[in-house]
């Protein structure tokens, strides 16, 4: 169901120039609610993207935190930071969306042992 929804809602991943736009399309990016002179302080997800995609993605963290040690550790870390379980689940949804984006863009399969290392800046 999730794969069908992903393919139906996101026909071309190359339309997104970076992972932030991909996450925003799903409505999982953070936003502050402000109106007039009122300056909000609490962060919420924007929900500006596809509600069908968000609903399908809700099931992914449930399985990921049970069966993948990396995602389980991430979820537990969010809980230890004092986050509500639903907030930790949405954070895990966002992390999964970033992972999906890079897997989809690269065409490689998921490797749970992969560790990202930033490249050293080039000096002129």
PDB file of N, CA and C in Angstrom:
ATOM      1  N   UNK A   1       0.815  -1.184   0.000  1.00  0.00           N
ATOM      2  CA  UNK A   1       0.000   0.000   0.000  1.00  0.00           C
ATOM      3  C   UNK A   1       0.864   1.257   0.000  1.00  0.00           C
ATOM      4  N   UNK A   2       1.926   1.263   0.796  1.00  0.00           N
ATOM      5  CA  UNK A   2       2.775   2.448   0.885  1.00  0.00           C
ATOM      6  C   UNK A   2       3.494   2.689  -0.439  1.00  0.00           C
ATOM      7  N   UNK A   3       4.024   1.644  -1.023  1.00  0.00           N
ATOM      8  CA  UNK A   3       4.722   1.803  -2.296  1.00  0.00           C
ATOM      9  C   UNK A   3       3.785   2.304  -3.390  1.00  0.00           C
ATOM     10  N   UNK A   4       2.576   1.762  -3.430  1.00  0.00           N
ATOM     11  CA  UNK A   4       1.603   2.209  -4.430  1.00  0.00           C
ATOM     12  C   UNK A   4       1.263   3.682  -4.229  1.00  0.00           C
ATOM     13  N   UNK A   5       1.120   4.091  -2.989  1.00  0.00           N
ATOM     14  CA  UNK A   5       0.831   5.496  -2.702  1.00  0.00           C
ATOM     15  C   UNK A   5       2.006   6.377  -3.073  1.00  0.00           C
ATOM     16  N   UNK A   6       3.228   5.941  -2.751  1.00  0.00           N
ATOM     17  CA  UNK A   6       4.416   6.715  -3.127  1.00  0.00           C
ATOM     18  C   UNK A   6       4.499   6.896  -4.636  1.00  0.00           C
ATOM     19  N   UNK A   7       4.309   5.808  -5.370  1.00  0.00           N
ATOM     20  CA  UNK A   7       4.385   5.893  -6.827  1.00  0.00           C
ATOM     21  C   UNK A   7       3.235   6.701  -7.414  1.00  0.00           C
ATOM     22  N   UNK A   8       2.069   6.638  -6.783  1.00  0.00           N
ATOM     23  CA  UNK A   8       0.924   7.394  -7.272  1.00  0.00           C
ATOM     24  C   UNK A   8       1.015   8.878  -6.984  1.00  0.00           C
ATOM     25  N   UNK A   9       1.533   9.212  -5.816  1.00  0.00           N
ATOM     26  CA  UNK A   9       1.605  10.616  -5.422  1.00  0.00           C
ATOM     27  C   UNK A   9       2.878  11.304  -5.900  1.00  0.00           C
ATOM     28  N   UNK A  10       3.956  10.540  -6.106  1.00  0.00           N
ATOM     29  CA  UNK A  10       5.239  11.106  -6.526  1.00  0.00           C
ATOM     30  C   UNK A  10       5.676  10.391  -7.805  1.00  0.00           C
ATOM     31  N   UNK A  11       5.180  10.811  -8.943  1.00  0.00           N
ATOM     32  CA  UNK A  11       5.528  10.103 -10.176  1.00  0.00           C
ATOM     33  C   UNK A  11       6.983  10.283 -10.604  1.00  0.00           C
ATOM     34  N   UNK A  12       7.615  11.433 -10.279  1.00  0.00           N
ATOM     35  CA  UNK A  12       8.977  11.689 -10.736  1.00  0.00           C
ATOM     36  C   UNK A  12       9.784  12.323  -9.615  1.00  0.00           C
ATOM     37  N   UNK A  13      10.672  11.551  -9.003  1.00  0.00           N
ATOM     38  CA  UNK A  13      11.466  12.055  -7.887  1.00  0.00           C
ATOM     39  C   UNK A  13      12.484  13.095  -8.345  1.00  0.00           C
ATOM     40  N   UNK A  14      12.850  13.079  -9.614  1.00  0.00           N
ATOM     41  CA  UNK A  14      13.830  14.057 -10.102  1.00  0.00           C
ATOM     42  C   UNK A  14      13.245  15.472 -10.153  1.00  0.00           C
ATOM     43  N   UNK A  15      11.945  15.615  -9.953  1.00  0.00           N
ATOM     44  CA  UNK A  15      11.336  16.944  -9.904  1.00  0.00           C
ATOM     45  C   UNK A  15      11.739  17.700  -8.633  1.00  0.00           C
ATOM     46  N   UNK A  16      12.248  16.978  -7.647  1.00  0.00           N
ATOM     47  CA  UNK A  16      12.660  17.601  -6.388  1.00  0.00           C
ATOM     48  C   UNK A  16      14.172  17.786  -6.412  1.00  0.00           C
ATOM     49  N   UNK A  17      14.612  19.033  -6.210  1.00  0.00           N
ATOM     50  CA  UNK A  17      16.040  19.327  -6.302  1.00  0.00           C
ATOM     51  C   UNK A  17      16.816  18.894  -5.065  1.00  0.00           C
ATOM     52  N   UNK A  18      16.139  18.755  -3.933  1.00  0.00           N
ATOM     53  CA  UNK A  18      16.818  18.284  -2.732  1.00  0.00           C
ATOM     54  C   UNK A  18      15.822  17.591  -1.802  1.00  0.00           C
ATOM     55  N   UNK A  19      16.345  16.986  -0.750  1.00  0.00           N
ATOM     56  CA  UNK A  19      15.491  16.215   0.153  1.00  0.00           C
ATOM     57  C   UNK A  19      14.514  17.098   0.933  1.00  0.00           C
ATOM     58  N   UNK A  20      14.854  18.354   1.144  1.00  0.00           N
ATOM     59  CA  UNK A  20      13.958  19.252   1.887  1.00  0.00           C
ATOM     60  C   UNK A  20      12.660  19.491   1.120  1.00  0.00           C
ATOM     61  N   UNK A  21      12.754  19.642  -0.184  1.00  0.00           N
ATOM     62  CA  UNK A  21      11.545  19.831  -1.001  1.00  0.00           C
ATOM     63  C   UNK A  21      10.715  18.555  -1.055  1.00  0.00           C
ATOM     64  N   UNK A  22      11.390  17.411  -1.045  1.00  0.00           N
ATOM     65  CA  UNK A  22      10.707  16.124  -1.047  1.00  0.00           C
ATOM     66  C   UNK A  22       9.926  15.940   0.254  1.00  0.00           C
ATOM     67  N   UNK A  23      10.555  16.273   1.369  1.00  0.00           N
ATOM     68  CA  UNK A  23       9.902  16.177   2.674  1.00  0.00           C
ATOM     69  C   UNK A  23       8.754  17.178   2.760  1.00  0.00           C
ATOM     70  N   UNK A  24       8.947  18.383   2.229  1.00  0.00           N
ATOM     71  CA  UNK A  24       7.894  19.396   2.250  1.00  0.00           C
ATOM     72  C   UNK A  24       6.692  18.960   1.408  1.00  0.00           C
ATOM     73  N   UNK A  25       6.941  18.249   0.315  1.00  0.00           N
ATOM     74  CA  UNK A  25       5.849  17.764  -0.516  1.00  0.00           C
ATOM     75  C   UNK A  25       4.942  16.821   0.274  1.00  0.00           C
ATOM     76  N   UNK A  26       5.528  16.075   1.185  1.00  0.00           N
ATOM     77  CA  UNK A  26       4.745  15.177   2.035  1.00  0.00           C
ATOM     78  C   UNK A  26       4.113  15.921   3.204  1.00  0.00           C
ATOM     79  N   UNK A  27       4.487  17.187   3.402  1.00  0.00           N
ATOM     80  CA  UNK A  27       3.922  17.975   4.496  1.00  0.00           C
ATOM     81  C   UNK A  27       4.549  17.656   5.838  1.00  0.00           C
ATOM     82  N   UNK A  28       5.765  17.140   5.834  1.00  0.00           N
ATOM     83  CA  UNK A  28       6.435  16.772   7.077  1.00  0.00           C
ATOM     84  C   UNK A  28       7.505  17.765   7.484  1.00  0.00           C
ATOM     85  N   UNK A  29       7.523  18.939   6.860  1.00  0.00           N
ATOM     86  CA  UNK A  29       8.487  19.959   7.247  1.00  0.00           C
ATOM     87  C   UNK A  29       7.925  20.792   8.393  1.00  0.00           C
ATOM     88  N   UNK A  30       8.809  21.358   9.175  1.00  0.00           N
ATOM     89  CA  UNK A  30       8.399  22.130  10.350  1.00  0.00           C
ATOM     90  C   UNK A  30       7.956  23.531   9.944  1.00  0.00           C
ATOM     91  N   UNK A  31       6.967  24.041  10.654  1.00  0.00           N
ATOM     92  CA  UNK A  31       6.525  25.414  10.431  1.00  0.00           C
ATOM     93  C   UNK A  31       6.018  25.982  11.748  1.00  0.00           C
ATOM     94  N   UNK A  32       6.067  27.297  11.855  1.00  0.00           N
ATOM     95  CA  UNK A  32       5.557  27.996  13.032  1.00  0.00           C
ATOM     96  C   UNK A  32       4.289  28.706  12.608  1.00  0.00           C
ATOM     97  N   UNK A  33       3.252  28.578  13.395  1.00  0.00           N
ATOM     98  CA  UNK A  33       1.988  29.256  13.064  1.00  0.00           C
ATOM     99  C   UNK A  33       2.056  30.689  13.562  1.00  0.00           C
ATOM    100  N   UNK A  34       1.909  31.637  12.619  1.00  0.00           N
ATOM    101  CA  UNK A  34       1.951  33.062  12.934  1.00  0.00           C
ATOM    102  C   UNK A  34       0.778  33.749  12.246  1.00  0.00           C
ATOM    103  N   UNK A  35       0.299  34.815  12.868  1.00  0.00           N
ATOM    104  CA  UNK A  35      -0.790  35.565  12.295  1.00  0.00           C
ATOM    105  C   UNK A  35      -0.675  37.010  12.765  1.00  0.00           C
ATOM    106  N   UNK A  36      -0.613  37.926  11.811  1.00  0.00           N
ATOM    107  CA  UNK A  36      -0.504  39.330  12.170  1.00  0.00           C
ATOM    108  C   UNK A  36       0.730  39.583  13.000  1.00  0.00           C
ATOM    109  N   UNK A  37       0.540  40.136  14.203  1.00  0.00           N
ATOM    110  CA  UNK A  37       1.672  40.406  15.079  1.00  0.00           C
ATOM    111  C   UNK A  37       1.959  39.249  16.026  1.00  0.00           C
ATOM    112  N   UNK A  38       1.115  38.237  16.014  1.00  0.00           N
ATOM    113  CA  UNK A  38       1.330  37.073  16.864  1.00  0.00           C
ATOM    114  C   UNK A  38       2.510  36.262  16.327  1.00  0.00           C
ATOM    115  N   UNK A  39       3.475  36.029  17.178  1.00  0.00           N
ATOM    116  CA  UNK A  39       4.642  35.230  16.814  1.00  0.00           C
ATOM    117  C   UNK A  39       4.565  33.898  17.551  1.00  0.00           C
ATOM    118  N   UNK A  40       4.265  32.850  16.845  1.00  0.00           N
ATOM    119  CA  UNK A  40       4.180  31.526  17.448  1.00  0.00           C
ATOM    120  C   UNK A  40       5.550  31.004  17.833  1.00  0.00           C
ATOM    121  N   UNK A  41       5.577  30.136  18.803  1.00  0.00           N
ATOM    122  CA  UNK A  41       6.836  29.554  19.245  1.00  0.00           C
ATOM    123  C   UNK A  41       6.844  28.039  19.099  1.00  0.00           C
ATOM    124  N   UNK A  42       5.701  27.421  18.990  1.00  0.00           N
ATOM    125  CA  UNK A  42       5.632  25.967  18.895  1.00  0.00           C
ATOM    126  C   UNK A  42       5.712  25.540  17.434  1.00  0.00           C
ATOM    127  N   UNK A  43       6.514  24.524  17.195  1.00  0.00           N
ATOM    128  CA  UNK A  43       6.677  24.005  15.843  1.00  0.00           C
ATOM    129  C   UNK A  43       5.618  22.939  15.570  1.00  0.00           C
ATOM    130  N   UNK A  44       5.125  22.916  14.350  1.00  0.00           N
ATOM    131  CA  UNK A  44       4.153  21.937  13.875  1.00  0.00           C
ATOM    132  C   UNK A  44       4.618  21.462  12.507  1.00  0.00           C
ATOM    133  N   UNK A  45       4.101  20.326  12.058  1.00  0.00           N
ATOM    134  CA  UNK A  45       4.363  19.964  10.672  1.00  0.00           C
ATOM    135  C   UNK A  45       3.429  20.802   9.810  1.00  0.00           C
ATOM    136  N   UNK A  46       3.877  21.127   8.634  1.00  0.00           N
ATOM    137  CA  UNK A  46       3.118  22.068   7.808  1.00  0.00           C
ATOM    138  C   UNK A  46       1.840  21.462   7.247  1.00  0.00           C
ATOM    139  N   UNK A  47       1.824  20.163   6.969  1.00  0.00           N
ATOM    140  CA  UNK A  47       0.689  19.462   6.362  1.00  0.00           C
ATOM    141  C   UNK A  47       0.291  20.080   5.023  1.00  0.00           C
ATOM    142  N   UNK A  48       1.241  20.714   4.329  1.00  0.00           N
ATOM    143  CA  UNK A  48       0.895  21.364   3.073  1.00  0.00           C
ATOM    144  C   UNK A  48       0.961  20.423   1.890  1.00  0.00           C
ATOM    145  N   UNK A  49       1.431  19.218   2.110  1.00  0.00           N
ATOM    146  CA  UNK A  49       1.567  18.275   1.009  1.00  0.00           C
ATOM    147  C   UNK A  49       0.378  17.346   0.887  1.00  0.00           C
ATOM    148  N   UNK A  50       0.650  16.201   0.368  1.00  0.00           N
ATOM    149  CA  UNK A  50      -0.387  15.220   0.088  1.00  0.00           C
ATOM    150  C   UNK A  50      -0.848  14.507   1.361  1.00  0.00           C
ATOM    151  N   UNK A  51      -2.138  14.618   1.698  1.00  0.00           N
ATOM    152  CA  UNK A  51      -2.626  13.905   2.892  1.00  0.00           C
ATOM    153  C   UNK A  51      -2.618  12.390   2.693  1.00  0.00           C
ATOM    154  N   UNK A  52      -2.758  11.933   1.460  1.00  0.00           N
ATOM    155  CA  UNK A  52      -2.727  10.493   1.183  1.00  0.00           C
ATOM    156  C   UNK A  52      -1.329   9.933   1.430  1.00  0.00           C
ATOM    157  N   UNK A  53      -0.339  10.701   1.032  1.00  0.00           N
ATOM    158  CA  UNK A  53       1.041  10.285   1.241  1.00  0.00           C
ATOM    159  C   UNK A  53       1.379  10.241   2.726  1.00  0.00           C
ATOM    160  N   UNK A  54       0.971  11.275   3.463  1.00  0.00           N
ATOM    161  CA  UNK A  54       1.220  11.301   4.913  1.00  0.00           C
ATOM    162  C   UNK A  54       0.545  10.127   5.613  1.00  0.00           C
ATOM    163  N   UNK A  55      -0.671   9.819   5.209  1.00  0.00           N
ATOM    164  CA  UNK A  55      -1.393   8.711   5.841  1.00  0.00           C
ATOM    165  C   UNK A  55      -0.697   7.377   5.571  1.00  0.00           C
ATOM    166  N   UNK A  56      -0.260   7.182   4.335  1.00  0.00           N
ATOM    167  CA  UNK A  56       0.443   5.940   4.010  1.00  0.00           C
ATOM    168  C   UNK A  56       1.776   5.860   4.743  1.00  0.00           C
ATOM    169  N   UNK A  57       2.459   6.998   4.862  1.00  0.00           N
ATOM    170  CA  UNK A  57       3.756   7.012   5.527  1.00  0.00           C
ATOM    171  C   UNK A  57       3.645   6.783   7.033  1.00  0.00           C
ATOM    172  N   UNK A  58       2.475   6.978   7.604  1.00  0.00           N
ATOM    173  CA  UNK A  58       2.297   6.794   9.043  1.00  0.00           C
ATOM    174  C   UNK A  58       2.597   5.349   9.451  1.00  0.00           C
ATOM    175  N   UNK A  59       2.362   4.409   8.549  1.00  0.00           N
ATOM    176  CA  UNK A  59       2.583   3.003   8.868  1.00  0.00           C
ATOM    177  C   UNK A  59       4.061   2.623   8.813  1.00  0.00           C
ATOM    178  N   UNK A  60       4.854   3.346   8.067  1.00  0.00           N
ATOM    179  CA  UNK A  60       6.267   3.007   7.905  1.00  0.00           C
ATOM    180  C   UNK A  60       7.067   3.060   9.207  1.00  0.00           C
ATOM    181  N   UNK A  61       6.948   4.120  10.014  1.00  0.00           N
ATOM    182  CA  UNK A  61       7.741   4.137  11.242  1.00  0.00           C
ATOM    183  C   UNK A  61       7.353   3.037  12.225  1.00  0.00           C
ATOM    184  N   UNK A  62       6.106   2.587  12.161  1.00  0.00           N
ATOM    185  CA  UNK A  62       5.679   1.523  13.067  1.00  0.00           C
ATOM    186  C   UNK A  62       6.517   0.267  12.819  1.00  0.00           C
ATOM    187  N   UNK A  63       6.752  -0.059  11.552  1.00  0.00           N
ATOM    188  CA  UNK A  63       7.560  -1.227  11.213  1.00  0.00           C
ATOM    189  C   UNK A  63       9.051  -0.928  11.377  1.00  0.00           C
ATOM    190  N   UNK A  64       9.473   0.269  10.980  1.00  0.00           N
ATOM    191  CA  UNK A  64      10.895   0.612  11.023  1.00  0.00           C
ATOM    192  C   UNK A  64      11.432   0.587  12.451  1.00  0.00           C
ATOM    193  N   UNK A  65      10.668   1.110  13.393  1.00  0.00           N
ATOM    194  CA  UNK A  65      11.173   1.137  14.775  1.00  0.00           C
ATOM    195  C   UNK A  65      11.174  -0.244  15.411  1.00  0.00           C
ATOM    196  N   UNK A  66      10.433  -1.185  14.852  1.00  0.00           N
ATOM    197  CA  UNK A  66      10.435  -2.555  15.370  1.00  0.00           C
ATOM    198  C   UNK A  66      11.525  -3.416  14.762  1.00  0.00           C
ATOM    199  N   UNK A  67      11.804  -3.223  13.464  1.00  0.00           N
ATOM    200  CA  UNK A  67      12.649  -4.169  12.758  1.00  0.00           C
ATOM    201  C   UNK A  67      14.005  -3.642  12.319  1.00  0.00           C
ATOM    202  N   UNK A  68      14.220  -2.338  12.310  1.00  0.00           N
ATOM    203  CA  UNK A  68      15.507  -1.780  11.896  1.00  0.00           C
ATOM    204  C   UNK A  68      16.207  -1.171  13.114  1.00  0.00           C
ATOM    205  N   UNK A  69      17.389  -1.661  13.480  1.00  0.00           N
ATOM    206  CA  UNK A  69      18.060  -1.161  14.683  1.00  0.00           C
ATOM    207  C   UNK A  69      18.405   0.326  14.625  1.00  0.00           C
ATOM    208  N   UNK A  70      18.750   0.840  13.444  1.00  0.00           N
ATOM    209  CA  UNK A  70      19.089   2.260  13.323  1.00  0.00           C
ATOM    210  C   UNK A  70      17.879   3.149  13.578  1.00  0.00           C
ATOM    211  N   UNK A  71      16.752   2.790  12.965  1.00  0.00           N
ATOM    212  CA  UNK A  71      15.547   3.590  13.163  1.00  0.00           C
ATOM    213  C   UNK A  71      15.005   3.426  14.582  1.00  0.00           C
ATOM    214  N   UNK A  72      15.169   2.229  15.155  1.00  0.00           N
ATOM    215  CA  UNK A  72      14.750   2.012  16.536  1.00  0.00           C
ATOM    216  C   UNK A  72      15.566   2.898  17.486  1.00  0.00           C
ATOM    217  N   UNK A  73      16.880   2.963  17.260  1.00  0.00           N
ATOM    218  CA  UNK A  73      17.746   3.803  18.091  1.00  0.00           C
ATOM    219  C   UNK A  73      17.371   5.275  17.951  1.00  0.00           C
ATOM    220  N   UNK A  74      17.060   5.709  16.721  1.00  0.00           N
ATOM    221  CA  UNK A  74      16.656   7.100  16.497  1.00  0.00           C
ATOM    222  C   UNK A  74      15.371   7.408  17.264  1.00  0.00           C
ATOM    223  N   UNK A  75      14.399   6.505  17.180  1.00  0.00           N
ATOM    224  CA  UNK A  75      13.115   6.686  17.878  1.00  0.00           C
ATOM    225  C   UNK A  75      13.331   6.736  19.392  1.00  0.00           C
ATOM    226  N   UNK A  76      14.132   5.832  19.920  1.00  0.00           N
ATOM    227  CA  UNK A  76      14.405   5.811  21.356  1.00  0.00           C
ATOM    228  C   UNK A  76      15.134   7.079  21.806  1.00  0.00           C
ATOM    229  N   UNK A  77      16.042   7.593  20.964  1.00  0.00           N
ATOM    230  CA  UNK A  77      16.756   8.826  21.286  1.00  0.00           C
ATOM    231  C   UNK A  77      15.783   9.999  21.389  1.00  0.00           C
ATOM    232  N   UNK A  78      14.806  10.048  20.484  1.00  0.00           N
ATOM    233  CA  UNK A  78      13.803  11.118  20.533  1.00  0.00           C
ATOM    234  C   UNK A  78      12.958  11.013  21.794  1.00  0.00           C
ATOM    235  N   UNK A  79      12.609   9.792  22.189  1.00  0.00           N
ATOM    236  CA  UNK A  79      11.849   9.605  23.425  1.00  0.00           C
ATOM    237  C   UNK A  79      12.662  10.023  24.642  1.00  0.00           C
ATOM    238  N   UNK A  80      13.964   9.722  24.643  1.00  0.00           N
ATOM    239  CA  UNK A  80      14.829  10.106  25.753  1.00  0.00           C
ATOM    240  C   UNK A  80      15.024  11.617  25.818  1.00  0.00           C
ATOM    241  N   UNK A  81      14.867  12.286  24.686  1.00  0.00           N
ATOM    242  CA  UNK A  81      14.940  13.756  24.674  1.00  0.00           C
ATOM    243  C   UNK A  81      13.683  14.379  25.265  1.00  0.00           C
ATOM    244  N   UNK A  82      12.703  13.540  25.585  1.00  0.00           N
ATOM    245  CA  UNK A  82      11.462  14.033  26.182  1.00  0.00           C
ATOM    246  C   UNK A  82      10.352  14.281  25.189  1.00  0.00           C
ATOM    247  N   UNK A  83      10.519  13.811  23.968  1.00  0.00           N
ATOM    248  CA  UNK A  83       9.482  14.005  22.949  1.00  0.00           C
ATOM    249  C   UNK A  83       8.308  13.067  23.210  1.00  0.00           C
ATOM    250  N   UNK A  84       7.128  13.527  22.867  1.00  0.00           N
ATOM    251  CA  UNK A  84       5.925  12.695  22.936  1.00  0.00           C
ATOM    252  C   UNK A  84       6.068  11.592  21.887  1.00  0.00           C
ATOM    253  N   UNK A  85       5.525  10.404  22.143  1.00  0.00           N
ATOM    254  CA  UNK A  85       5.656   9.311  21.164  1.00  0.00           C
ATOM    255  C   UNK A  85       5.167   9.673  19.758  1.00  0.00           C
ATOM    256  N   UNK A  86       4.112  10.474  19.645  1.00  0.00           N
ATOM    257  CA  UNK A  86       3.643  10.868  18.310  1.00  0.00           C
ATOM    258  C   UNK A  86       4.637  11.812  17.634  1.00  0.00           C
ATOM    259  N   UNK A  87       5.256  12.692  18.409  1.00  0.00           N
ATOM    260  CA  UNK A  87       6.258  13.608  17.856  1.00  0.00           C
ATOM    261  C   UNK A  87       7.475  12.803  17.397  1.00  0.00           C
ATOM    262  N   UNK A  88       7.878  11.824  18.192  1.00  0.00           N
ATOM    263  CA  UNK A  88       9.005  10.971  17.810  1.00  0.00           C
ATOM    264  C   UNK A  88       8.673  10.170  16.559  1.00  0.00           C
ATOM    265  N   UNK A  89       7.428   9.742  16.432  1.00  0.00           N
ATOM    266  CA  UNK A  89       7.012   8.990  15.244  1.00  0.00           C
ATOM    267  C   UNK A  89       7.053   9.873  14.005  1.00  0.00           C
ATOM    268  N   UNK A  90       6.616  11.119  14.114  1.00  0.00           N
ATOM    269  CA  UNK A  90       6.662  12.043  12.971  1.00  0.00           C
ATOM    270  C   UNK A  90       8.114  12.354  12.607  1.00  0.00           C
ATOM    271  N   UNK A  91       8.993  12.479  13.606  1.00  0.00           N
ATOM    272  CA  UNK A  91      10.416  12.688  13.326  1.00  0.00           C
ATOM    273  C   UNK A  91      10.980  11.491  12.565  1.00  0.00           C
ATOM    274  N   UNK A  92      10.550  10.299  12.944  1.00  0.00           N
ATOM    275  CA  UNK A  92      10.980   9.091  12.249  1.00  0.00           C
ATOM    276  C   UNK A  92      10.404   9.045  10.835  1.00  0.00           C
ATOM    277  N   UNK A  93       9.175   9.524  10.652  1.00  0.00           N
ATOM    278  CA  UNK A  93       8.585   9.603   9.303  1.00  0.00           C
ATOM    279  C   UNK A  93       9.439  10.500   8.410  1.00  0.00           C
ATOM    280  N   UNK A  94       9.870  11.633   8.960  1.00  0.00           N
ATOM    281  CA  UNK A  94      10.687  12.564   8.194  1.00  0.00           C
ATOM    282  C   UNK A  94      12.019  11.923   7.831  1.00  0.00           C
ATOM    283  N   UNK A  95      12.626  11.235   8.785  1.00  0.00           N
ATOM    284  CA  UNK A  95      13.894  10.559   8.524  1.00  0.00           C
ATOM    285  C   UNK A  95      13.721   9.487   7.445  1.00  0.00           C
ATOM    286  N   UNK A  96      12.620   8.781   7.487  1.00  0.00           N
ATOM    287  CA  UNK A  96      12.340   7.774   6.467  1.00  0.00           C
ATOM    288  C   UNK A  96      12.154   8.417   5.096  1.00  0.00           C
ATOM    289  N   UNK A  97      11.496   9.572   5.045  1.00  0.00           N
ATOM    290  CA  UNK A  97      11.312  10.270   3.766  1.00  0.00           C
ATOM    291  C   UNK A  97      12.656  10.686   3.168  1.00  0.00           C
ATOM    292  N   UNK A  98      13.571  11.167   4.005  1.00  0.00           N
ATOM    293  CA  UNK A  98      14.902  11.541   3.519  1.00  0.00           C
ATOM    294  C   UNK A  98      15.626  10.302   3.000  1.00  0.00           C
ATOM    295  N   UNK A  99      15.508   9.199   3.725  1.00  0.00           N
ATOM    296  CA  UNK A  99      16.136   7.950   3.294  1.00  0.00           C
ATOM    297  C   UNK A  99      15.538   7.475   1.972  1.00  0.00           C
ATOM    298  N   UNK A 100      14.217   7.527   1.862  1.00  0.00           N
ATOM    299  CA  UNK A 100      13.537   7.130   0.626  1.00  0.00           C
ATOM    300  C   UNK A 100      14.000   8.002  -0.537  1.00  0.00           C
ATOM    301  N   UNK A 101      14.129   9.299  -0.303  1.00  0.00           N
ATOM    302  CA  UNK A 101      14.557  10.218  -1.355  1.00  0.00           C
ATOM    303  C   UNK A 101      15.928   9.828  -1.909  1.00  0.00           C
ATOM    304  N   UNK A 102      16.891   9.609  -1.006  1.00  0.00           N
ATOM    305  CA  UNK A 102      18.245   9.304  -1.472  1.00  0.00           C
ATOM    306  C   UNK A 102      18.347   7.917  -2.098  1.00  0.00           C
ATOM    307  N   UNK A 103      17.573   6.965  -1.605  1.00  0.00           N
ATOM    308  CA  UNK A 103      17.559   5.646  -2.229  1.00  0.00           C
ATOM    309  C   UNK A 103      16.954   5.735  -3.622  1.00  0.00           C
ATOM    310  N   UNK A 104      15.861   6.446  -3.743  1.00  0.00           N
ATOM    311  CA  UNK A 104      15.162   6.592  -5.022  1.00  0.00           C
ATOM    312  C   UNK A 104      16.037   7.323  -6.034  1.00  0.00           C
ATOM    313  N   UNK A 105      16.709   8.394  -5.577  1.00  0.00           N
ATOM    314  CA  UNK A 105      17.551   9.176  -6.480  1.00  0.00           C
ATOM    315  C   UNK A 105      18.776   8.391  -6.949  1.00  0.00           C
ATOM    316  N   UNK A 106      19.387   7.639  -6.018  1.00  0.00           N
ATOM    317  CA  UNK A 106      20.624   6.934  -6.363  1.00  0.00           C
ATOM    318  C   UNK A 106      20.367   5.624  -7.100  1.00  0.00           C
ATOM    319  N   UNK A 107      19.210   5.014  -6.883  1.00  0.00           N
ATOM    320  CA  UNK A 107      18.911   3.729  -7.492  1.00  0.00           C
ATOM    321  C   UNK A 107      19.559   2.557  -6.781  1.00  0.00           C
ATOM    322  N   UNK A 108      20.199   2.817  -5.646  1.00  0.00           N
ATOM    323  CA  UNK A 108      20.840   1.755  -4.869  1.00  0.00           C
ATOM    324  C   UNK A 108      19.847   1.175  -3.876  1.00  0.00           C
ATOM    325  N   UNK A 109      20.143  -0.021  -3.413  1.00  0.00           N
ATOM    326  CA  UNK A 109      19.272  -0.629  -2.407  1.00  0.00           C
ATOM    327  C   UNK A 109      19.655  -0.117  -1.011  1.00  0.00           C
ATOM    328  N   UNK A 110      18.744  -0.296  -0.073  1.00  0.00           N
ATOM    329  CA  UNK A 110      18.950   0.185   1.293  1.00  0.00           C
ATOM    330  C   UNK A 110      20.004  -0.667   1.993  1.00  0.00           C
ATOM    331  N   UNK A 111      20.977  -0.007   2.603  1.00  0.00           N
ATOM    332  CA  UNK A 111      22.019  -0.685   3.374  1.00  0.00           C
ATOM    333  C   UNK A 111      21.979  -0.135   4.791  1.00  0.00           C
ATOM    334  N   UNK A 112      21.491  -0.922   5.768  1.00  0.00           N
ATOM    335  CA  UNK A 112      21.389  -0.415   7.136  1.00  0.00           C
ATOM    336  C   UNK A 112      22.749  -0.138   7.774  1.00  0.00           C
ATOM    337  N   UNK A 113      23.819  -0.685   7.218  1.00  0.00           N
ATOM    338  CA  UNK A 113      25.151  -0.473   7.783  1.00  0.00           C
ATOM    339  C   UNK A 113      25.849   0.762   7.200  1.00  0.00           C
ATOM    340  N   UNK A 114      25.234   1.393   6.203  1.00  0.00           N
ATOM    341  CA  UNK A 114      25.837   2.561   5.562  1.00  0.00           C
ATOM    342  C   UNK A 114      25.899   3.725   6.548  1.00  0.00           C
ATOM    343  N   UNK A 115      27.049   4.375   6.599  1.00  0.00           N
ATOM    344  CA  UNK A 115      27.235   5.552   7.447  1.00  0.00           C
ATOM    345  C   UNK A 115      27.673   6.695   6.547  1.00  0.00           C
ATOM    346  N   UNK A 116      26.943   7.788   6.608  1.00  0.00           N
ATOM    347  CA  UNK A 116      27.257   8.946   5.779  1.00  0.00           C
ATOM    348  C   UNK A 116      28.404   9.717   6.408  1.00  0.00           C
ATOM    349  N   UNK A 117      29.392  10.069   5.587  1.00  0.00           N
ATOM    350  CA  UNK A 117      30.516  10.890   6.026  1.00  0.00           C
ATOM    351  C   UNK A 117      30.562  12.115   5.136  1.00  0.00           C
ATOM    352  N   UNK A 118      30.477  13.311   5.720  1.00  0.00           N
ATOM    353  CA  UNK A 118      30.537  14.511   4.868  1.00  0.00           C
ATOM    354  C   UNK A 118      31.903  14.640   4.228  1.00  0.00           C
ATOM    355  N   UNK A 119      31.888  15.176   3.028  1.00  0.00           N
ATOM    356  CA  UNK A 119      33.149  15.373   2.318  1.00  0.00           C
ATOM    357  C   UNK A 119      33.854  16.581   2.892  1.00  0.00           C
ATOM    358  N   UNK A 120      35.182  16.524   2.917  1.00  0.00           N
ATOM    359  CA  UNK A 120      35.961  17.657   3.402  1.00  0.00           C
ATOM    360  C   UNK A 120      35.830  18.794   2.390  1.00  0.00           C
ATOM    361  N   UNK A 121      35.744  20.039   2.868  1.00  0.00           N
ATOM    362  CA  UNK A 121      35.627  21.163   1.920  1.00  0.00           C
ATOM    363  C   UNK A 121      36.912  21.312   1.119  1.00  0.00           C
ATOM    364  N   UNK A 122      36.736  21.666  -0.149  1.00  0.00           N
ATOM    365  CA  UNK A 122      37.897  21.860  -1.024  1.00  0.00           C
ATOM    366  C   UNK A 122      38.478  23.238  -0.781  1.00  0.00           C
ATOM    367  N   UNK A 123      39.779  23.267  -0.634  1.00  0.00           N
ATOM    368  CA  UNK A 123      40.472  24.539  -0.412  1.00  0.00           C
ATOM    369  C   UNK A 123      41.006  25.068  -1.736  1.00  0.00           C
ATOM    370  N   UNK A 124      40.882  26.367  -1.908  1.00  0.00           N
ATOM    371  CA  UNK A 124      41.329  26.987  -3.155  1.00  0.00           C
ATOM    372  C   UNK A 124      42.794  27.281  -3.149  1.00  0.00           C
TER     373      UNK A 124
END
